[in-house]
Amino acid sequence: MTEPIKWSNAPDRTSWGASMRVADIEIDRDHTLTLYCEASQTAKVDAMFVEVERLRMQVVACGVVALADTPDSAIEARKMHPDYRSDSLSDVERRVDECIRLRAEVERLREVAEQALEAMEKATRYMSNSDYIKLNQTIDATRTALKETK
């Protein structure tokens, strides 16, 4: 709900008296909520609905930031109205940053492992046949493990 509540006088036939206000709030296309409130309390109800909307948007903001998976998309996802920021959003941002950092570290380590495997393959030229077979088995097993982590 983003529009302000449109209050009107409640019908005189209500058992609550003439000081009552009524508002119809759309739930979805086929359903409506009829809300009755004392006239002196409409501002409080309005404030509650505004707060519910702000909290809803804070939850949405957490979901948007959680989907960021690159440094650029993380920066873009964090551009929002300050009312939508929350402690939970800060927690999500920290986790997203950590995931991006860890993904980069995994990629860096994968490259290091590939370089080490290439160096080991070159070193096999100077080994005995049995050592050569053992090292190649290790290299093959390591390459298989690296492929499984992608």
N, C-alpha and C. Protein backbone atom coordinates (compact mmCIF):
# COMPACT_ATOMS: atom_id res chain seq x y z
N MET A 1 0.85 -1.17 0.00
CA MET A 1 0.00 0.00 0.00
C MET A 1 0.89 1.23 0.00
N THR A 2 0.77 2.05 -1.01
CA THR A 2 1.61 3.23 -1.10
C THR A 2 0.79 4.52 -1.04
N GLU A 3 -0.48 4.43 -1.28
CA GLU A 3 -1.32 5.62 -1.22
C GLU A 3 -1.83 5.82 0.19
N PRO A 4 -2.06 7.09 0.58
CA PRO A 4 -2.62 7.33 1.92
C PRO A 4 -4.03 6.74 2.04
N ILE A 5 -4.39 6.44 3.24
CA ILE A 5 -5.73 5.90 3.49
C ILE A 5 -6.75 7.01 3.27
N LYS A 6 -7.81 6.68 2.56
CA LYS A 6 -8.88 7.65 2.31
C LYS A 6 -10.02 7.38 3.31
N TRP A 7 -10.03 8.18 4.35
CA TRP A 7 -11.04 8.03 5.40
C TRP A 7 -12.30 8.80 5.01
N SER A 8 -13.42 8.25 5.41
CA SER A 8 -14.69 8.97 5.26
C SER A 8 -15.53 8.69 6.51
N ASN A 9 -16.58 9.46 6.65
CA ASN A 9 -17.45 9.24 7.81
C ASN A 9 -18.10 7.87 7.71
N ALA A 10 -18.13 7.17 8.82
CA ALA A 10 -18.80 5.87 8.84
C ALA A 10 -20.30 6.09 8.73
N PRO A 11 -21.01 5.13 8.19
CA PRO A 11 -22.47 5.27 8.10
C PRO A 11 -23.08 5.50 9.49
N ASP A 12 -24.10 6.28 9.55
CA ASP A 12 -24.75 6.59 10.84
C ASP A 12 -25.29 5.34 11.51
N ARG A 13 -25.56 4.32 10.74
CA ARG A 13 -26.18 3.12 11.32
C ARG A 13 -25.19 2.27 12.12
N THR A 14 -23.91 2.63 12.13
CA THR A 14 -22.96 1.83 12.91
C THR A 14 -23.26 1.98 14.39
N SER A 15 -22.93 0.95 15.12
CA SER A 15 -23.22 0.97 16.56
C SER A 15 -22.18 1.79 17.34
N TRP A 16 -21.18 2.31 16.63
CA TRP A 16 -20.11 3.02 17.34
C TRP A 16 -20.34 4.51 17.43
N GLY A 17 -21.26 5.02 16.70
CA GLY A 17 -21.58 6.44 16.81
C GLY A 17 -21.02 7.27 15.68
N ALA A 18 -21.27 8.56 15.74
CA ALA A 18 -20.94 9.49 14.67
C ALA A 18 -19.45 9.82 14.58
N SER A 19 -18.68 9.50 15.60
CA SER A 19 -17.25 9.85 15.57
C SER A 19 -16.40 8.80 14.85
N MET A 20 -17.05 7.84 14.21
CA MET A 20 -16.30 6.77 13.54
C MET A 20 -15.98 7.17 12.10
N ARG A 21 -14.82 6.68 11.64
CA ARG A 21 -14.40 6.85 10.26
C ARG A 21 -14.26 5.46 9.65
N VAL A 22 -14.35 5.41 8.34
CA VAL A 22 -14.25 4.14 7.63
C VAL A 22 -13.34 4.33 6.42
N ALA A 23 -12.62 3.27 6.09
CA ALA A 23 -11.77 3.29 4.89
C ALA A 23 -11.79 1.90 4.28
N ASP A 24 -11.85 1.85 2.96
CA ASP A 24 -11.76 0.58 2.25
C ASP A 24 -10.35 0.49 1.67
N ILE A 25 -9.68 -0.59 1.98
CA ILE A 25 -8.30 -0.79 1.56
C ILE A 25 -8.24 -2.03 0.68
N GLU A 26 -7.68 -1.86 -0.51
CA GLU A 26 -7.59 -2.98 -1.44
C GLU A 26 -6.56 -4.00 -0.94
N ILE A 27 -6.99 -5.24 -0.84
CA ILE A 27 -6.08 -6.33 -0.48
C ILE A 27 -5.48 -6.90 -1.75
N ASP A 28 -6.34 -7.20 -2.70
CA ASP A 28 -5.92 -7.61 -4.04
C ASP A 28 -7.07 -7.28 -4.98
N ARG A 29 -6.98 -7.74 -6.19
CA ARG A 29 -7.97 -7.37 -7.20
C ARG A 29 -9.40 -7.72 -6.81
N ASP A 30 -9.57 -8.78 -6.05
CA ASP A 30 -10.90 -9.27 -5.73
C ASP A 30 -11.32 -9.08 -4.28
N HIS A 31 -10.45 -8.50 -3.46
CA HIS A 31 -10.75 -8.41 -2.03
C HIS A 31 -10.43 -7.03 -1.48
N THR A 32 -11.28 -6.62 -0.52
CA THR A 32 -11.13 -5.32 0.11
C THR A 32 -11.25 -5.48 1.61
N LEU A 33 -10.48 -4.70 2.33
CA LEU A 33 -10.56 -4.65 3.78
C LEU A 33 -11.30 -3.38 4.14
N THR A 34 -12.35 -3.49 4.94
CA THR A 34 -13.05 -2.31 5.43
C THR A 34 -12.57 -2.08 6.86
N LEU A 35 -12.04 -0.88 7.07
CA LEU A 35 -11.41 -0.55 8.35
C LEU A 35 -12.22 0.56 9.02
N TYR A 36 -12.64 0.30 10.25
CA TYR A 36 -13.36 1.30 11.03
C TYR A 36 -12.43 1.81 12.12
N CYS A 37 -12.51 3.11 12.39
CA CYS A 37 -11.61 3.69 13.38
C CYS A 37 -12.26 4.94 13.96
N GLU A 38 -12.00 5.20 15.23
CA GLU A 38 -12.48 6.46 15.82
C GLU A 38 -11.74 7.61 15.12
N ALA A 39 -12.45 8.68 14.91
CA ALA A 39 -11.88 9.82 14.19
C ALA A 39 -10.58 10.30 14.85
N SER A 40 -10.50 10.25 16.15
CA SER A 40 -9.31 10.74 16.85
C SER A 40 -8.10 9.81 16.68
N GLN A 41 -8.32 8.63 16.15
CA GLN A 41 -7.24 7.66 16.02
C GLN A 41 -6.77 7.44 14.58
N THR A 42 -7.36 8.13 13.61
CA THR A 42 -6.99 7.90 12.21
C THR A 42 -5.52 8.22 11.93
N ALA A 43 -5.00 9.24 12.57
CA ALA A 43 -3.58 9.59 12.36
C ALA A 43 -2.67 8.46 12.82
N LYS A 44 -3.02 7.81 13.93
CA LYS A 44 -2.22 6.68 14.42
C LYS A 44 -2.28 5.50 13.43
N VAL A 45 -3.47 5.24 12.92
CA VAL A 45 -3.63 4.15 11.96
C VAL A 45 -2.85 4.46 10.68
N ASP A 46 -2.95 5.71 10.23
CA ASP A 46 -2.18 6.13 9.05
C ASP A 46 -0.68 5.90 9.28
N ALA A 47 -0.20 6.30 10.44
CA ALA A 47 1.22 6.13 10.76
C ALA A 47 1.61 4.65 10.80
N MET A 48 0.71 3.81 11.30
CA MET A 48 1.00 2.37 11.34
C MET A 48 1.13 1.81 9.92
N PHE A 49 0.26 2.22 9.02
CA PHE A 49 0.34 1.73 7.65
C PHE A 49 1.60 2.24 6.95
N VAL A 50 1.99 3.47 7.23
CA VAL A 50 3.23 4.01 6.67
C VAL A 50 4.42 3.19 7.19
N GLU A 51 4.40 2.87 8.47
CA GLU A 51 5.49 2.07 9.06
C GLU A 51 5.52 0.66 8.47
N VAL A 52 4.37 0.05 8.28
CA VAL A 52 4.32 -1.28 7.66
C VAL A 52 4.92 -1.23 6.26
N GLU A 53 4.61 -0.19 5.50
CA GLU A 53 5.16 -0.06 4.15
C GLU A 53 6.67 0.13 4.19
N ARG A 54 7.15 0.92 5.14
CA ARG A 54 8.60 1.13 5.27
C ARG A 54 9.29 -0.19 5.61
N LEU A 55 8.72 -0.94 6.53
CA LEU A 55 9.29 -2.24 6.91
C LEU A 55 9.26 -3.22 5.74
N ARG A 56 8.17 -3.19 4.97
CA ARG A 56 8.07 -4.06 3.79
C ARG A 56 9.19 -3.73 2.81
N MET A 57 9.43 -2.46 2.60
CA MET A 57 10.49 -2.05 1.68
C MET A 57 11.87 -2.39 2.22
N GLN A 58 12.04 -2.42 3.54
CA GLN A 58 13.31 -2.85 4.10
C GLN A 58 13.57 -4.33 3.80
N VAL A 59 12.52 -5.13 3.87
CA VAL A 59 12.66 -6.55 3.53
C VAL A 59 12.97 -6.70 2.04
N VAL A 60 12.28 -5.93 1.20
CA VAL A 60 12.55 -5.96 -0.25
C VAL A 60 14.01 -5.57 -0.51
N ALA A 61 14.49 -4.55 0.18
CA ALA A 61 15.88 -4.10 0.00
C ALA A 61 16.85 -5.22 0.33
N CYS A 62 16.58 -5.99 1.38
CA CYS A 62 17.44 -7.12 1.72
C CYS A 62 17.50 -8.12 0.57
N GLY A 63 16.35 -8.40 -0.02
CA GLY A 63 16.31 -9.34 -1.14
C GLY A 63 17.05 -8.83 -2.35
N VAL A 64 16.92 -7.55 -2.66
CA VAL A 64 17.59 -6.97 -3.82
C VAL A 64 19.11 -7.03 -3.62
N VAL A 65 19.58 -6.65 -2.46
CA VAL A 65 21.03 -6.66 -2.20
C VAL A 65 21.55 -8.09 -2.17
N ALA A 66 20.76 -9.02 -1.64
CA ALA A 66 21.21 -10.41 -1.56
C ALA A 66 21.45 -11.02 -2.93
N LEU A 67 20.78 -10.52 -3.95
CA LEU A 67 20.95 -11.06 -5.30
C LEU A 67 22.18 -10.52 -6.02
N ALA A 68 22.82 -9.52 -5.46
CA ALA A 68 24.02 -8.96 -6.09
C ALA A 68 25.14 -9.99 -6.02
N ASP A 69 25.81 -10.20 -7.16
CA ASP A 69 26.88 -11.21 -7.16
C ASP A 69 28.18 -10.73 -7.79
N THR A 70 28.26 -9.45 -8.08
CA THR A 70 29.50 -8.86 -8.57
C THR A 70 29.72 -7.55 -7.82
N PRO A 71 30.94 -7.06 -7.78
CA PRO A 71 31.15 -5.77 -7.10
C PRO A 71 30.29 -4.65 -7.69
N ASP A 72 30.16 -4.61 -9.02
CA ASP A 72 29.36 -3.56 -9.64
C ASP A 72 27.87 -3.70 -9.31
N SER A 73 27.35 -4.93 -9.35
CA SER A 73 25.93 -5.10 -9.03
C SER A 73 25.67 -4.84 -7.55
N ALA A 74 26.65 -5.11 -6.70
CA ALA A 74 26.49 -4.82 -5.27
C ALA A 74 26.41 -3.31 -5.03
N ILE A 75 27.23 -2.56 -5.74
CA ILE A 75 27.19 -1.09 -5.62
C ILE A 75 25.84 -0.57 -6.09
N GLU A 76 25.39 -1.07 -7.23
CA GLU A 76 24.12 -0.61 -7.81
C GLU A 76 22.94 -0.97 -6.91
N ALA A 77 22.94 -2.18 -6.36
CA ALA A 77 21.82 -2.64 -5.53
C ALA A 77 21.70 -1.83 -4.24
N ARG A 78 22.78 -1.22 -3.81
CA ARG A 78 22.77 -0.48 -2.54
C ARG A 78 22.31 0.96 -2.69
N LYS A 79 22.01 1.36 -3.91
CA LYS A 79 21.49 2.71 -4.13
C LYS A 79 20.00 2.69 -3.83
N MET A 80 19.63 3.26 -2.70
CA MET A 80 18.23 3.24 -2.29
C MET A 80 17.94 4.38 -1.33
N HIS A 81 16.67 4.60 -1.11
CA HIS A 81 16.23 5.61 -0.17
C HIS A 81 16.71 5.22 1.23
N PRO A 82 17.20 6.17 2.01
CA PRO A 82 17.73 5.84 3.35
C PRO A 82 16.70 5.18 4.28
N ASP A 83 15.41 5.42 4.06
CA ASP A 83 14.40 4.79 4.91
C ASP A 83 14.39 3.27 4.77
N TYR A 84 14.92 2.76 3.66
CA TYR A 84 14.89 1.32 3.41
C TYR A 84 16.11 0.62 3.98
N ARG A 85 17.05 1.37 4.55
CA ARG A 85 18.23 0.78 5.16
C ARG A 85 17.86 0.27 6.55
N SER A 86 18.49 -0.82 6.97
CA SER A 86 18.22 -1.40 8.29
C SER A 86 19.44 -2.18 8.75
N ASP A 87 19.43 -2.59 10.01
CA ASP A 87 20.52 -3.43 10.52
C ASP A 87 20.57 -4.75 9.75
N SER A 88 19.41 -5.29 9.42
CA SER A 88 19.38 -6.54 8.66
C SER A 88 19.99 -6.35 7.27
N LEU A 89 19.72 -5.22 6.66
CA LEU A 89 20.32 -4.94 5.35
C LEU A 89 21.84 -4.86 5.46
N SER A 90 22.33 -4.25 6.53
CA SER A 90 23.79 -4.19 6.74
C SER A 90 24.37 -5.59 6.87
N ASP A 91 23.65 -6.48 7.55
CA ASP A 91 24.10 -7.87 7.66
C ASP A 91 24.15 -8.54 6.28
N VAL A 92 23.11 -8.32 5.48
CA VAL A 92 23.07 -8.90 4.13
C VAL A 92 24.22 -8.34 3.29
N GLU A 93 24.47 -7.04 3.39
CA GLU A 93 25.56 -6.42 2.63
C GLU A 93 26.91 -7.05 2.99
N ARG A 94 27.11 -7.26 4.30
CA ARG A 94 28.38 -7.89 4.73
C ARG A 94 28.52 -9.29 4.14
N ARG A 95 27.44 -10.05 4.13
CA ARG A 95 27.50 -11.41 3.59
C ARG A 95 27.72 -11.38 2.08
N VAL A 96 27.07 -10.47 1.38
CA VAL A 96 27.27 -10.35 -0.07
C VAL A 96 28.72 -10.01 -0.36
N ASP A 97 29.27 -9.04 0.39
CA ASP A 97 30.68 -8.67 0.20
C ASP A 97 31.59 -9.87 0.46
N GLU A 98 31.27 -10.63 1.51
CA GLU A 98 32.08 -11.80 1.83
C GLU A 98 31.99 -12.85 0.71
N CYS A 99 30.80 -13.08 0.19
CA CYS A 99 30.65 -14.05 -0.91
C CYS A 99 31.42 -13.62 -2.15
N ILE A 100 31.34 -12.33 -2.47
CA ILE A 100 32.08 -11.83 -3.63
C ILE A 100 33.57 -11.99 -3.41
N ARG A 101 34.04 -11.66 -2.21
CA ARG A 101 35.47 -11.81 -1.87
C ARG A 101 35.90 -13.28 -1.96
N LEU A 102 35.08 -14.16 -1.39
CA LEU A 102 35.41 -15.59 -1.40
C LEU A 102 35.41 -16.16 -2.82
N ARG A 103 34.46 -15.71 -3.64
CA ARG A 103 34.42 -16.18 -5.02
C ARG A 103 35.70 -15.76 -5.75
N ALA A 104 36.15 -14.54 -5.52
CA ALA A 104 37.39 -14.07 -6.14
C ALA A 104 38.59 -14.87 -5.62
N GLU A 105 38.58 -15.17 -4.34
CA GLU A 105 39.68 -15.95 -3.75
C GLU A 105 39.70 -17.37 -4.31
N VAL A 106 38.54 -17.98 -4.45
CA VAL A 106 38.47 -19.32 -5.05
C VAL A 106 39.03 -19.30 -6.46
N GLU A 107 38.68 -18.28 -7.22
CA GLU A 107 39.18 -18.17 -8.60
C GLU A 107 40.69 -18.00 -8.62
N ARG A 108 41.19 -17.16 -7.71
CA ARG A 108 42.64 -16.96 -7.63
C ARG A 108 43.34 -18.27 -7.26
N LEU A 109 42.79 -18.99 -6.29
CA LEU A 109 43.40 -20.26 -5.87
C LEU A 109 43.30 -21.32 -6.97
N ARG A 110 42.22 -21.28 -7.73
CA ARG A 110 42.09 -22.21 -8.85
C ARG A 110 43.21 -21.95 -9.87
N GLU A 111 43.52 -20.69 -10.13
CA GLU A 111 44.60 -20.35 -11.05
C GLU A 111 45.96 -20.79 -10.50
N VAL A 112 46.17 -20.60 -9.21
CA VAL A 112 47.41 -21.04 -8.58
C VAL A 112 47.56 -22.56 -8.69
N ALA A 113 46.46 -23.27 -8.44
CA ALA A 113 46.49 -24.73 -8.53
C ALA A 113 46.81 -25.17 -9.96
N GLU A 114 46.21 -24.50 -10.94
CA GLU A 114 46.50 -24.84 -12.35
C GLU A 114 47.98 -24.61 -12.66
N GLN A 115 48.53 -23.51 -12.18
CA GLN A 115 49.95 -23.23 -12.42
C GLN A 115 50.84 -24.29 -11.75
N ALA A 116 50.45 -24.69 -10.53
CA ALA A 116 51.21 -25.72 -9.83
C ALA A 116 51.14 -27.05 -10.58
N LEU A 117 49.99 -27.38 -11.10
CA LEU A 117 49.84 -28.62 -11.86
C LEU A 117 50.71 -28.60 -13.12
N GLU A 118 50.72 -27.47 -13.79
CA GLU A 118 51.56 -27.35 -14.99
C GLU A 118 53.04 -27.51 -14.63
N ALA A 119 53.46 -26.91 -13.52
CA ALA A 119 54.85 -27.04 -13.08
C ALA A 119 55.17 -28.49 -12.73
N MET A 120 54.21 -29.18 -12.12
CA MET A 120 54.43 -30.59 -11.77
C MET A 120 54.55 -31.44 -13.02
N GLU A 121 53.72 -31.15 -14.02
CA GLU A 121 53.80 -31.90 -15.27
C GLU A 121 55.16 -31.72 -15.93
N LYS A 122 55.66 -30.51 -15.90
CA LYS A 122 56.99 -30.25 -16.47
C LYS A 122 58.08 -31.01 -15.70
N ALA A 123 57.90 -31.10 -14.39
CA ALA A 123 58.90 -31.77 -13.55
C ALA A 123 58.94 -33.28 -13.79
N THR A 124 57.87 -33.84 -14.35
CA THR A 124 57.83 -35.29 -14.56
C THR A 124 58.88 -35.76 -15.56
N ARG A 125 59.41 -34.88 -16.37
CA ARG A 125 60.42 -35.24 -17.35
C ARG A 125 61.68 -35.82 -16.68
N TYR A 126 61.91 -35.46 -15.46
CA TYR A 126 63.15 -35.83 -14.77
C TYR A 126 62.92 -36.88 -13.68
N MET A 127 61.82 -37.63 -13.75
CA MET A 127 61.48 -38.59 -12.70
C MET A 127 61.60 -40.02 -13.20
N SER A 128 61.69 -40.90 -12.22
CA SER A 128 61.66 -42.33 -12.56
C SER A 128 60.23 -42.68 -12.99
N ASN A 129 60.10 -43.81 -13.63
CA ASN A 129 58.81 -44.23 -14.16
C ASN A 129 57.75 -44.38 -13.06
N SER A 130 58.10 -44.99 -11.92
CA SER A 130 57.11 -45.19 -10.85
C SER A 130 56.72 -43.86 -10.21
N ASP A 131 57.68 -42.97 -10.00
CA ASP A 131 57.36 -41.65 -9.45
C ASP A 131 56.51 -40.86 -10.44
N TYR A 132 56.80 -41.02 -11.72
CA TYR A 132 56.06 -40.34 -12.78
C TYR A 132 54.59 -40.77 -12.75
N ILE A 133 54.34 -42.06 -12.60
CA ILE A 133 52.97 -42.59 -12.58
C ILE A 133 52.23 -42.05 -11.35
N LYS A 134 52.87 -42.07 -10.19
CA LYS A 134 52.23 -41.57 -8.96
C LYS A 134 51.90 -40.08 -9.08
N LEU A 135 52.84 -39.31 -9.61
CA LEU A 135 52.61 -37.88 -9.75
C LEU A 135 51.48 -37.61 -10.75
N ASN A 136 51.44 -38.33 -11.84
CA ASN A 136 50.36 -38.14 -12.81
C ASN A 136 49.01 -38.49 -12.23
N GLN A 137 48.97 -39.52 -11.39
CA GLN A 137 47.71 -39.87 -10.73
C GLN A 137 47.26 -38.73 -9.81
N THR A 138 48.19 -38.14 -9.10
CA THR A 138 47.89 -37.01 -8.23
C THR A 138 47.41 -35.81 -9.04
N ILE A 139 48.09 -35.55 -10.15
CA ILE A 139 47.71 -34.44 -11.02
C ILE A 139 46.30 -34.66 -11.56
N ASP A 140 46.00 -35.87 -12.03
CA ASP A 140 44.67 -36.16 -12.58
C ASP A 140 43.59 -36.00 -11.51
N ALA A 141 43.87 -36.50 -10.31
CA ALA A 141 42.90 -36.39 -9.21
C ALA A 141 42.67 -34.92 -8.84
N THR A 142 43.74 -34.14 -8.84
CA THR A 142 43.61 -32.72 -8.50
C THR A 142 42.83 -31.97 -9.57
N ARG A 143 43.11 -32.27 -10.83
CA ARG A 143 42.36 -31.62 -11.92
C ARG A 143 40.86 -31.97 -11.82
N THR A 144 40.57 -33.20 -11.53
CA THR A 144 39.16 -33.63 -11.37
C THR A 144 38.50 -32.86 -10.23
N ALA A 145 39.22 -32.74 -9.11
CA ALA A 145 38.67 -32.01 -7.96
C ALA A 145 38.45 -30.55 -8.29
N LEU A 146 39.36 -29.95 -9.05
CA LEU A 146 39.20 -28.55 -9.45
C LEU A 146 37.98 -28.36 -10.34
N LYS A 147 37.77 -29.29 -11.26
CA LYS A 147 36.61 -29.19 -12.15
C LYS A 147 35.31 -29.29 -11.37
N GLU A 148 35.30 -30.10 -10.33
CA GLU A 148 34.08 -30.30 -9.54
C GLU A 148 33.73 -29.07 -8.71
N THR A 149 34.69 -28.18 -8.47
CA THR A 149 34.41 -26.99 -7.65
C THR A 149 33.89 -25.83 -8.49
N LYS A 150 33.83 -25.98 -9.81
CA LYS A 150 33.36 -24.86 -10.64
C LYS A 150 31.87 -24.76 -10.60
